[in-house]
Amino acid sequence: MFEGLIRRVGLLGASAALFAACAGAGSPTTAPATTAATAAPATAAPTTAPASTAAGLTLTVASNATLGSYVTGANGMSLYVFEKDAGTTSACVDACATNWPPLTVAALTDVTAGTGVTGTLATITRADGSLQVTLAGHPLYYFKGDAAAGDINGQGLNDVWYLAGVDGSSVGEADEMATPAASKGCSGPTCY
């Protein structure tokens, strides 16, 4: 008796699903049942990494016991300078810019120097046409390998990446970190 009842309920459920599928097929206003499931990732929480473009951003100062003061951007993330940059041209493009996202803005007025940041802020035009923020003439970058405020995993990598000092200089360039870049597990395009 229960077996027959279970079979009838199963058939009713299958019939209802078939009816719903057929009814929805001809109606352009009916969304498929999977729409909500596929839309969820689009509204997922952002990662801790900052967006490269900032509006209304105030650069702030953080401090490291070994290195001293350095500049931070969005969400307190460390900012770096690249020793291979020359003049008003960024040498970090393509894969490099993926690993070292440039700090870009729509206009110079979108970024200000907070208390303790002494270098002059300006912008340069990157090869892709975006405006990259500079501090005392040095283009600023985040590092993909930093996950939270206070991380300085890009410091000293390949002897070309250094934290941005409050005046725009390279922090700790002469007296490299105790852990050399080679031992940080960084190789290839991630480090350049």
C-alpha atoms as a PDB file:
ATOM      1  CA  MET A   1       0.000   0.000   0.000  1.00  0.00           C
ATOM      2  CA  PHE A   2       2.783   2.442   0.899  1.00  0.00           C
ATOM      3  CA  GLU A   3       4.671   1.453  -2.213  1.00  0.00           C
ATOM      4  CA  GLY A   4       1.699   2.387  -4.409  1.00  0.00           C
ATOM      5  CA  LEU A   5       1.273   5.676  -2.592  1.00  0.00           C
ATOM      6  CA  ILE A   6       4.968   6.542  -2.963  1.00  0.00           C
ATOM      7  CA  ARG A   7       4.810   5.693  -6.678  1.00  0.00           C
ATOM      8  CA  ARG A   8       1.749   7.984  -7.168  1.00  0.00           C
ATOM      9  CA  VAL A   9       3.413  10.852  -5.295  1.00  0.00           C
ATOM     10  CA  GLY A  10       6.537  10.393  -7.415  1.00  0.00           C
ATOM     11  CA  LEU A  11       4.474  10.462 -10.610  1.00  0.00           C
ATOM     12  CA  LEU A  12       2.628  13.547  -9.442  1.00  0.00           C
ATOM     13  CA  GLY A  13       5.950  15.292  -8.723  1.00  0.00           C
ATOM     14  CA  ALA A  14       7.352  14.312 -12.127  1.00  0.00           C
ATOM     15  CA  SER A  15       4.170  15.483 -13.842  1.00  0.00           C
ATOM     16  CA  ALA A  16       4.289  18.824 -12.020  1.00  0.00           C
ATOM     17  CA  ALA A  17       7.941  19.334 -13.001  1.00  0.00           C
ATOM     18  CA  LEU A  18       7.176  18.491 -16.648  1.00  0.00           C
ATOM     19  CA  PHE A  19       4.204  20.863 -16.633  1.00  0.00           C
ATOM     20  CA  ALA A  20       6.281  23.678 -15.150  1.00  0.00           C
ATOM     21  CA  ALA A  21       9.051  23.138 -17.686  1.00  0.00           C
ATOM     22  CA  CYS A  22       6.618  23.186 -20.612  1.00  0.00           C
ATOM     23  CA  ALA A  23       4.717  26.198 -19.297  1.00  0.00           C
ATOM     24  CA  GLY A  24       7.909  28.168 -18.808  1.00  0.00           C
ATOM     25  CA  ALA A  25       9.358  27.312 -22.223  1.00  0.00           C
ATOM     26  CA  GLY A  26       6.954  29.535 -24.150  1.00  0.00           C
ATOM     27  CA  SER A  27       6.987  32.442 -21.727  1.00  0.00           C
ATOM     28  CA  PRO A  28       9.909  34.858 -22.117  1.00  0.00           C
ATOM     29  CA  THR A  29       9.180  36.387 -18.720  1.00  0.00           C
ATOM     30  CA  THR A  30       9.636  33.116 -16.850  1.00  0.00           C
ATOM     31  CA  ALA A  31      13.184  32.710 -15.570  1.00  0.00           C
ATOM     32  CA  PRO A  32      14.658  29.221 -15.405  1.00  0.00           C
ATOM     33  CA  ALA A  33      15.090  27.775 -11.933  1.00  0.00           C
ATOM     34  CA  THR A  34      18.890  27.886 -12.260  1.00  0.00           C
ATOM     35  CA  THR A  35      19.018  31.682 -12.702  1.00  0.00           C
ATOM     36  CA  ALA A  36      19.189  32.343  -8.981  1.00  0.00           C
ATOM     37  CA  ALA A  37      21.946  29.780  -8.534  1.00  0.00           C
ATOM     38  CA  THR A  38      24.084  31.210 -11.328  1.00  0.00           C
ATOM     39  CA  ALA A  39      23.516  34.810 -10.265  1.00  0.00           C
ATOM     40  CA  ALA A  40      24.863  34.236  -6.757  1.00  0.00           C
ATOM     41  CA  PRO A  41      28.589  34.365  -7.640  1.00  0.00           C
ATOM     42  CA  ALA A  42      28.138  37.812  -9.208  1.00  0.00           C
ATOM     43  CA  THR A  43      27.054  39.185  -5.848  1.00  0.00           C
ATOM     44  CA  ALA A  44      29.712  37.378  -3.837  1.00  0.00           C
ATOM     45  CA  ALA A  45      31.722  39.402  -1.347  1.00  0.00           C
ATOM     46  CA  PRO A  46      34.848  41.055  -2.801  1.00  0.00           C
ATOM     47  CA  THR A  47      38.274  39.691  -1.958  1.00  0.00           C
ATOM     48  CA  THR A  48      40.592  41.523   0.387  1.00  0.00           C
ATOM     49  CA  ALA A  49      42.745  42.704  -2.489  1.00  0.00           C
ATOM     50  CA  PRO A  50      41.996  46.336  -3.393  1.00  0.00           C
ATOM     51  CA  ALA A  51      40.718  47.373  -6.745  1.00  0.00           C
ATOM     52  CA  SER A  52      43.377  49.083  -8.792  1.00  0.00           C
ATOM     53  CA  THR A  53      41.086  52.038  -9.447  1.00  0.00           C
ATOM     54  CA  ALA A  54      40.300  54.227  -6.486  1.00  0.00           C
ATOM     55  CA  ALA A  55      37.966  57.168  -6.018  1.00  0.00           C
ATOM     56  CA  GLY A  56      38.093  59.329  -2.925  1.00  0.00           C
ATOM     57  CA  LEU A  57      41.165  57.477  -1.653  1.00  0.00           C
ATOM     58  CA  THR A  58      43.400  58.930   1.049  1.00  0.00           C
ATOM     59  CA  LEU A  59      46.909  57.482   1.181  1.00  0.00           C
ATOM     60  CA  THR A  60      47.904  56.692   4.755  1.00  0.00           C
ATOM     61  CA  VAL A  61      51.074  55.769   6.631  1.00  0.00           C
ATOM     62  CA  ALA A  62      51.795  52.380   8.207  1.00  0.00           C
ATOM     63  CA  SER A  63      54.875  51.268  10.081  1.00  0.00           C
ATOM     64  CA  ASN A  64      57.017  48.140  10.251  1.00  0.00           C
ATOM     65  CA  ALA A  65      59.344  47.510  13.197  1.00  0.00           C
ATOM     66  CA  THR A  66      62.268  46.721  10.885  1.00  0.00           C
ATOM     67  CA  LEU A  67      61.633  49.009   7.931  1.00  0.00           C
ATOM     68  CA  GLY A  68      59.907  52.036   9.405  1.00  0.00           C
ATOM     69  CA  SER A  69      57.118  54.022   7.756  1.00  0.00           C
ATOM     70  CA  TYR A  70      55.587  53.289   4.369  1.00  0.00           C
ATOM     71  CA  VAL A  71      52.509  54.317   2.377  1.00  0.00           C
ATOM     72  CA  THR A  72      49.263  52.360   2.127  1.00  0.00           C
ATOM     73  CA  GLY A  73      46.260  52.682  -0.149  1.00  0.00           C
ATOM     74  CA  ALA A  74      42.800  51.107  -0.234  1.00  0.00           C
ATOM     75  CA  ASN A  75      41.924  48.939   2.787  1.00  0.00           C
ATOM     76  CA  GLY A  76      45.325  49.731   4.308  1.00  0.00           C
ATOM     77  CA  MET A  77      47.094  47.644   1.648  1.00  0.00           C
ATOM     78  CA  SER A  78      50.815  48.307   1.142  1.00  0.00           C
ATOM     79  CA  LEU A  79      51.954  50.340  -1.846  1.00  0.00           C
ATOM     80  CA  TYR A  80      55.198  49.669  -3.708  1.00  0.00           C
ATOM     81  CA  VAL A  81      57.556  51.343  -6.174  1.00  0.00           C
ATOM     82  CA  PHE A  82      59.291  49.551  -9.062  1.00  0.00           C
ATOM     83  CA  GLU A  83      62.961  50.345  -9.609  1.00  0.00           C
ATOM     84  CA  LYS A  84      62.661  49.664 -13.362  1.00  0.00           C
ATOM     85  CA  ASP A  85      60.191  52.537 -13.887  1.00  0.00           C
ATOM     86  CA  ALA A  86      61.768  55.507 -15.630  1.00  0.00           C
ATOM     87  CA  GLY A  87      60.430  59.039 -15.864  1.00  0.00           C
ATOM     88  CA  THR A  88      56.755  59.153 -16.743  1.00  0.00           C
ATOM     89  CA  THR A  89      56.626  55.576 -18.038  1.00  0.00           C
ATOM     90  CA  SER A  90      55.624  52.467 -16.126  1.00  0.00           C
ATOM     91  CA  ALA A  91      57.758  49.447 -16.984  1.00  0.00           C
ATOM     92  CA  CYS A  92      55.182  47.125 -15.378  1.00  0.00           C
ATOM     93  CA  VAL A  93      52.643  46.037 -18.004  1.00  0.00           C
ATOM     94  CA  ASP A  94      50.791  42.869 -19.042  1.00  0.00           C
ATOM     95  CA  ALA A  95      51.570  39.945 -16.656  1.00  0.00           C
ATOM     96  CA  CYS A  96      53.549  42.269 -14.413  1.00  0.00           C
ATOM     97  CA  ALA A  97      50.521  44.553 -13.969  1.00  0.00           C
ATOM     98  CA  THR A  98      48.389  41.524 -13.119  1.00  0.00           C
ATOM     99  CA  ASN A  99      50.740  40.607 -10.275  1.00  0.00           C
ATOM    100  CA  TRP A 100      51.466  44.217  -9.337  1.00  0.00           C
ATOM    101  CA  PRO A 101      48.206  46.130  -9.935  1.00  0.00           C
ATOM    102  CA  PRO A 102      48.898  49.818 -10.485  1.00  0.00           C
ATOM    103  CA  LEU A 103      47.050  52.320  -8.301  1.00  0.00           C
ATOM    104  CA  THR A 104      44.878  54.065 -10.886  1.00  0.00           C
ATOM    105  CA  VAL A 105      42.309  56.844 -10.627  1.00  0.00           C
ATOM    106  CA  ALA A 106      39.896  58.609 -12.960  1.00  0.00           C
ATOM    107  CA  ALA A 107      41.427  61.981 -11.988  1.00  0.00           C
ATOM    108  CA  LEU A 108      44.164  63.231  -9.666  1.00  0.00           C
ATOM    109  CA  THR A 109      41.467  64.754  -7.451  1.00  0.00           C
ATOM    110  CA  ASP A 110      40.358  61.196  -6.570  1.00  0.00           C
ATOM    111  CA  VAL A 111      43.395  60.684  -4.310  1.00  0.00           C
ATOM    112  CA  THR A 112      44.823  62.733  -1.455  1.00  0.00           C
ATOM    113  CA  ALA A 113      47.885  62.505   0.759  1.00  0.00           C
ATOM    114  CA  GLY A 114      46.950  61.738   4.347  1.00  0.00           C
ATOM    115  CA  THR A 115      48.799  62.887   7.450  1.00  0.00           C
ATOM    116  CA  GLY A 116      52.481  61.978   7.222  1.00  0.00           C
ATOM    117  CA  VAL A 117      52.591  61.429   3.443  1.00  0.00           C
ATOM    118  CA  THR A 118      55.070  64.093   2.364  1.00  0.00           C
ATOM    119  CA  GLY A 119      55.747  63.290  -1.303  1.00  0.00           C
ATOM    120  CA  THR A 120      53.889  65.144  -4.051  1.00  0.00           C
ATOM    121  CA  LEU A 121      51.027  63.241  -5.669  1.00  0.00           C
ATOM    122  CA  ALA A 122      50.601  63.291  -9.439  1.00  0.00           C
ATOM    123  CA  THR A 123      49.553  60.905 -12.219  1.00  0.00           C
ATOM    124  CA  ILE A 124      51.074  59.403 -15.342  1.00  0.00           C
ATOM    125  CA  THR A 125      49.243  57.974 -18.321  1.00  0.00           C
ATOM    126  CA  ARG A 126      49.801  54.224 -18.698  1.00  0.00           C
ATOM    127  CA  ALA A 127      50.030  52.450 -22.061  1.00  0.00           C
ATOM    128  CA  ASP A 128      46.362  51.421 -21.715  1.00  0.00           C
ATOM    129  CA  GLY A 129      45.311  55.060 -21.196  1.00  0.00           C
ATOM    130  CA  SER A 130      44.565  54.792 -17.468  1.00  0.00           C
ATOM    131  CA  LEU A 131      45.962  57.295 -14.966  1.00  0.00           C
ATOM    132  CA  GLN A 132      48.406  55.816 -12.460  1.00  0.00           C
ATOM    133  CA  VAL A 133      49.099  57.643  -9.212  1.00  0.00           C
ATOM    134  CA  THR A 134      52.695  58.662  -8.536  1.00  0.00           C
ATOM    135  CA  LEU A 135      54.314  59.756  -5.294  1.00  0.00           C
ATOM    136  CA  ALA A 136      57.259  62.115  -5.814  1.00  0.00           C
ATOM    137  CA  GLY A 137      57.344  60.923  -9.437  1.00  0.00           C
ATOM    138  CA  HIS A 138      57.337  57.190  -8.592  1.00  0.00           C
ATOM    139  CA  PRO A 139      54.352  55.158  -9.900  1.00  0.00           C
ATOM    140  CA  LEU A 140      52.562  53.247  -7.111  1.00  0.00           C
ATOM    141  CA  TYR A 141      51.530  49.576  -7.162  1.00  0.00           C
ATOM    142  CA  TYR A 142      49.851  46.992  -4.950  1.00  0.00           C
ATOM    143  CA  PHE A 143      51.177  43.401  -4.765  1.00  0.00           C
ATOM    144  CA  LYS A 144      48.932  40.462  -5.575  1.00  0.00           C
ATOM    145  CA  GLY A 145      50.737  38.434  -2.892  1.00  0.00           C
ATOM    146  CA  ASP A 146      49.532  40.727  -0.085  1.00  0.00           C
ATOM    147  CA  ALA A 147      46.242  39.515   1.369  1.00  0.00           C
ATOM    148  CA  ALA A 148      45.627  41.903   4.265  1.00  0.00           C
ATOM    149  CA  ALA A 149      46.585  45.282   5.642  1.00  0.00           C
ATOM    150  CA  GLY A 150      50.097  45.097   7.073  1.00  0.00           C
ATOM    151  CA  ASP A 151      51.298  42.454   4.596  1.00  0.00           C
ATOM    152  CA  ILE A 152      54.582  43.441   2.947  1.00  0.00           C
ATOM    153  CA  ASN A 153      55.269  40.270   0.945  1.00  0.00           C
ATOM    154  CA  GLY A 154      56.488  42.232  -2.068  1.00  0.00           C
ATOM    155  CA  GLN A 155      59.247  44.012  -0.160  1.00  0.00           C
ATOM    156  CA  GLY A 156      62.651  43.531  -1.821  1.00  0.00           C
ATOM    157  CA  LEU A 157      61.459  41.024  -4.452  1.00  0.00           C
ATOM    158  CA  ASN A 158      64.096  40.595  -7.154  1.00  0.00           C
ATOM    159  CA  ASP A 159      65.797  43.678  -5.725  1.00  0.00           C
ATOM    160  CA  VAL A 160      63.435  45.866  -7.771  1.00  0.00           C
ATOM    161  CA  TRP A 161      60.220  46.070  -5.705  1.00  0.00           C
ATOM    162  CA  TYR A 162      60.177  48.138  -2.521  1.00  0.00           C
ATOM    163  CA  LEU A 163      57.599  49.631  -0.212  1.00  0.00           C
ATOM    164  CA  ALA A 164      56.803  53.232  -1.060  1.00  0.00           C
ATOM    165  CA  GLY A 165      58.202  55.592   1.556  1.00  0.00           C
ATOM    166  CA  VAL A 166      56.219  58.584   2.780  1.00  0.00           C
ATOM    167  CA  ASP A 167      58.344  60.834   0.566  1.00  0.00           C
ATOM    168  CA  GLY A 168      58.109  58.495  -2.458  1.00  0.00           C
ATOM    169  CA  SER A 169      61.501  56.866  -1.935  1.00  0.00           C
ATOM    170  CA  SER A 170      62.118  53.104  -1.790  1.00  0.00           C
ATOM    171  CA  VAL A 171      61.905  51.809   1.792  1.00  0.00           C
ATOM    172  CA  GLY A 172      64.698  49.464   2.865  1.00  0.00           C
ATOM    173  CA  GLU A 173      66.411  49.345  -0.526  1.00  0.00           C
ATOM    174  CA  ALA A 174      69.923  49.572   0.890  1.00  0.00           C
ATOM    175  CA  ASP A 175      69.301  47.316   3.867  1.00  0.00           C
ATOM    176  CA  GLU A 176      67.201  44.490   2.414  1.00  0.00           C
ATOM    177  CA  MET A 177      64.843  42.443   4.535  1.00  0.00           C
ATOM    178  CA  ALA A 178      66.279  39.602   6.608  1.00  0.00           C
ATOM    179  CA  THR A 179      64.511  37.135   4.289  1.00  0.00           C
ATOM    180  CA  PRO A 180      65.877  37.440   0.751  1.00  0.00           C
ATOM    181  CA  ALA A 181      63.366  37.492  -2.109  1.00  0.00           C
ATOM    182  CA  ALA A 182      64.618  34.152  -3.458  1.00  0.00           C
ATOM    183  CA  SER A 183      63.612  32.379  -0.272  1.00  0.00           C
ATOM    184  CA  LYS A 184      60.087  33.826  -0.321  1.00  0.00           C
ATOM    185  CA  GLY A 185      59.051  31.305  -2.979  1.00  0.00           C
ATOM    186  CA  CYS A 186      58.761  33.957  -5.641  1.00  0.00           C
ATOM    187  CA  SER A 187      59.920  33.273  -9.144  1.00  0.00           C
ATOM    188  CA  GLY A 188      59.055  34.131 -12.704  1.00  0.00           C
ATOM    189  CA  PRO A 189      56.713  36.933 -13.735  1.00  0.00           C
ATOM    190  CA  THR A 190      55.132  37.188 -10.273  1.00  0.00           C
ATOM    191  CA  CYS A 191      58.264  38.822  -8.920  1.00  0.00           C
ATOM    192  CA  TYR A 192      59.203  41.216 -11.682  1.00  0.00           C
END
